[in-house]
Amino acid sequence: MTRDEKRARALNVPISVDDIINLPMDEFNERLSKFDLSEAQLSLIRDIRRRGKNKVSDATPIAKIFILDVREFFLGRGESSHSGR
């Protein structure tokens, strides 16, 4: 069990950590609205979602590097090699 799962369980958060992180924003907000959550629960849920989204973002640096390389190729130094076409 992860640290976030332990904290969510301790505060009786009625939504799984997986759902907190992965639900699309509309479904996430709709799910939250179904419960009468305390400030402590809401704060923890927001923290879990933020950290979870950051982990997903941090886990894909290769894709970001690739996108930057492609942009640089077409907009920067690779431009001259395509100008004759």
Protein backbone atom coordinates (compact mmCIF):
# COMPACT_ATOMS: atom_id res chain seq x y z
CA MET A 1 0.00 0.00 0.00
CA THR A 2 1.40 3.40 -0.99
CA ARG A 3 1.76 6.38 1.31
CA ASP A 4 -1.15 8.11 -0.45
CA GLU A 5 -3.34 5.02 -0.11
CA LYS A 6 -2.56 4.86 3.61
CA ARG A 7 -3.38 8.54 4.09
CA ALA A 8 -6.59 8.25 2.06
CA ARG A 9 -7.66 5.23 4.09
CA ALA A 10 -6.84 7.02 7.38
CA LEU A 11 -9.10 9.93 6.37
CA ASN A 12 -11.81 7.62 5.00
CA VAL A 13 -11.58 9.05 1.49
CA PRO A 14 -14.39 7.35 -0.47
CA ILE A 15 -12.56 7.38 -3.82
CA SER A 16 -9.64 5.15 -4.79
CA VAL A 17 -6.24 6.74 -5.28
CA ASP A 18 -6.20 5.31 -8.80
CA ASP A 19 -9.47 7.11 -9.62
CA ILE A 20 -8.27 10.32 -7.97
CA ILE A 21 -5.25 10.36 -10.28
CA ASN A 22 -6.65 8.93 -13.50
CA LEU A 23 -10.25 10.06 -13.88
CA PRO A 24 -10.82 12.82 -16.45
CA MET A 25 -11.43 16.18 -14.78
CA ASP A 26 -15.20 16.20 -15.43
CA GLU A 27 -15.70 12.71 -13.99
CA PHE A 28 -13.37 13.52 -11.10
CA ASN A 29 -15.35 16.65 -10.16
CA GLU A 30 -18.66 14.81 -10.59
CA ARG A 31 -17.46 12.02 -8.31
CA LEU A 32 -16.28 14.53 -5.67
CA SER A 33 -19.64 16.29 -5.71
CA LYS A 34 -21.40 13.08 -4.65
CA PHE A 35 -19.73 13.13 -1.24
CA ASP A 36 -19.75 15.54 1.70
CA LEU A 37 -15.98 15.76 2.12
CA SER A 38 -14.10 17.55 4.88
CA GLU A 39 -11.44 20.15 4.14
CA ALA A 40 -8.78 17.64 5.20
CA GLN A 41 -10.14 15.06 2.75
CA LEU A 42 -10.37 17.59 -0.10
CA SER A 43 -6.86 18.83 0.58
CA LEU A 44 -5.47 15.30 0.54
CA ILE A 45 -7.39 14.45 -2.65
CA ARG A 46 -6.01 17.55 -4.40
CA ASP A 47 -2.47 16.69 -3.26
CA ILE A 48 -2.80 13.08 -4.42
CA ARG A 49 -4.11 14.16 -7.83
CA ARG A 50 -1.37 16.76 -8.28
CA ARG A 51 1.41 14.37 -7.27
CA GLY A 52 -0.06 11.60 -9.41
CA LYS A 53 -0.29 13.82 -12.48
CA ASN A 54 3.28 15.01 -11.90
CA LYS A 55 4.49 11.42 -11.70
CA VAL A 56 2.82 10.62 -15.01
CA SER A 57 4.34 13.72 -16.57
CA ASP A 58 7.78 12.98 -15.16
CA ALA A 59 7.61 9.41 -16.42
CA THR A 60 7.54 10.50 -20.06
CA PRO A 61 10.62 12.69 -20.57
CA ILE A 62 11.66 10.75 -23.69
CA ALA A 63 8.45 11.79 -25.44
CA LYS A 64 9.06 15.41 -24.47
CA ILE A 65 12.64 15.27 -25.73
CA PHE A 66 11.47 13.71 -28.99
CA ILE A 67 8.87 16.45 -29.51
CA LEU A 68 11.46 19.15 -28.84
CA ASP A 69 13.92 17.49 -31.24
CA VAL A 70 11.29 17.30 -33.99
CA ARG A 71 10.34 20.96 -33.49
CA GLU A 72 13.97 22.00 -33.57
CA PHE A 73 14.54 19.98 -36.72
CA PHE A 74 11.67 21.58 -38.61
CA LEU A 75 11.85 25.06 -37.13
CA GLY A 76 15.53 25.40 -36.40
CA ARG A 77 18.74 23.96 -37.69
CA GLY A 78 17.14 21.32 -39.96
CA GLU A 79 15.32 23.99 -41.92
CA SER A 80 18.09 24.47 -44.52
CA SER A 81 18.07 20.81 -45.54
CA HIS A 82 14.38 21.06 -46.48
CA SER A 83 14.53 24.42 -48.26
CA GLY A 84 15.32 22.94 -51.67
CA ARG A 85 12.06 21.00 -51.87
